Amino acid sequence: MSLFRVLLSIIFPPLAVIDKGCGSFIIVTILTAAGWIPGVIGALVILNKDSNS
């Protein structure tokens, strides 16, 4: 997980996960629409999950 991705997920969460697949993008977009903090947490979890694999 790069510093750029972390900053992007804090500023605009859906843009940080756009290349992780359609499902991840839709989930983070819905979470961001529900509230900014759930969107940031969702994006960070998705980015962290992919970096560990």
C-alpha atoms as a PDB file:
ATOM      1  CA  MET A   1       0.000   0.000   0.000  1.00  0.00           C
ATOM      2  CA  SER A   2       1.683   3.173  -1.183  1.00  0.00           C
ATOM      3  CA  LEU A   3       1.497   6.564   0.454  1.00  0.00           C
ATOM      4  CA  PHE A   4      -0.244   7.942  -2.638  1.00  0.00           C
ATOM      5  CA  ARG A   5      -3.023   5.336  -2.331  1.00  0.00           C
ATOM      6  CA  VAL A   6      -3.492   6.089   1.367  1.00  0.00           C
ATOM      7  CA  LEU A   7      -3.783   9.824   0.712  1.00  0.00           C
ATOM      8  CA  LEU A   8      -6.137   9.193  -2.195  1.00  0.00           C
ATOM      9  CA  SER A   9      -8.321   6.946  -0.058  1.00  0.00           C
ATOM     10  CA  ILE A  10      -8.556   9.679   2.571  1.00  0.00           C
ATOM     11  CA  ILE A  11      -9.405  12.406   0.047  1.00  0.00           C
ATOM     12  CA  PHE A  12     -11.677  10.445  -2.319  1.00  0.00           C
ATOM     13  CA  PRO A  13     -12.083   6.765  -1.361  1.00  0.00           C
ATOM     14  CA  PRO A  14     -13.714   5.380  -4.563  1.00  0.00           C
ATOM     15  CA  LEU A  15     -10.885   6.679  -6.729  1.00  0.00           C
ATOM     16  CA  ALA A  16      -8.314   4.787  -4.641  1.00  0.00           C
ATOM     17  CA  VAL A  17      -9.925   1.394  -5.362  1.00  0.00           C
ATOM     18  CA  ILE A  18     -11.056   1.925  -8.949  1.00  0.00           C
ATOM     19  CA  ASP A  19      -8.518  -0.580 -10.319  1.00  0.00           C
ATOM     20  CA  LYS A  20      -9.378  -3.278  -7.736  1.00  0.00           C
ATOM     21  CA  GLY A  21     -12.544  -4.319  -9.561  1.00  0.00           C
ATOM     22  CA  CYS A  22     -16.111  -3.256 -10.061  1.00  0.00           C
ATOM     23  CA  GLY A  23     -17.363  -4.796  -6.806  1.00  0.00           C
ATOM     24  CA  SER A  24     -14.825  -2.988  -4.657  1.00  0.00           C
ATOM     25  CA  PHE A  25     -15.561   0.299  -6.386  1.00  0.00           C
ATOM     26  CA  ILE A  26     -19.324  -0.057  -5.898  1.00  0.00           C
ATOM     27  CA  ILE A  27     -18.988  -1.053  -2.237  1.00  0.00           C
ATOM     28  CA  VAL A  28     -16.694   1.877  -1.441  1.00  0.00           C
ATOM     29  CA  THR A  29     -18.945   4.265  -3.383  1.00  0.00           C
ATOM     30  CA  ILE A  30     -21.984   3.148  -1.370  1.00  0.00           C
ATOM     31  CA  LEU A  31     -20.040   3.438   1.889  1.00  0.00           C
ATOM     32  CA  THR A  32     -18.841   6.911   0.913  1.00  0.00           C
ATOM     33  CA  ALA A  33     -22.401   7.964   0.087  1.00  0.00           C
ATOM     34  CA  ALA A  34     -23.476   6.744   3.525  1.00  0.00           C
ATOM     35  CA  GLY A  35     -20.698   8.717   5.149  1.00  0.00           C
ATOM     36  CA  TRP A  36     -17.168   9.784   4.422  1.00  0.00           C
ATOM     37  CA  ILE A  37     -15.540   7.850   7.285  1.00  0.00           C
ATOM     38  CA  PRO A  38     -17.065   4.445   6.339  1.00  0.00           C
ATOM     39  CA  GLY A  39     -15.839   5.005   2.790  1.00  0.00           C
ATOM     40  CA  VAL A  40     -12.308   5.750   3.971  1.00  0.00           C
ATOM     41  CA  ILE A  41     -12.281   2.688   6.231  1.00  0.00           C
ATOM     42  CA  GLY A  42     -13.614   0.476   3.437  1.00  0.00           C
ATOM     43  CA  ALA A  43     -11.013   1.735   0.979  1.00  0.00           C
ATOM     44  CA  LEU A  44      -8.182   1.213   3.449  1.00  0.00           C
ATOM     45  CA  VAL A  45      -9.368  -2.318   4.231  1.00  0.00           C
ATOM     46  CA  ILE A  46      -9.546  -3.209   0.525  1.00  0.00           C
ATOM     47  CA  LEU A  47      -6.126  -1.717  -0.158  1.00  0.00           C
ATOM     48  CA  ASN A  48      -4.605  -3.471   2.859  1.00  0.00           C
ATOM     49  CA  LYS A  49      -6.147  -6.814   1.920  1.00  0.00           C
ATOM     50  CA  ASP A  50      -4.620  -6.689  -1.560  1.00  0.00           C
ATOM     51  CA  SER A  51      -1.165  -5.702  -0.315  1.00  0.00           C
ATOM     52  CA  ASN A  52      -0.977  -8.700   2.036  1.00  0.00           C
ATOM     53  CA  SER A  53      -1.702 -11.238  -0.706  1.00  0.00           C
END
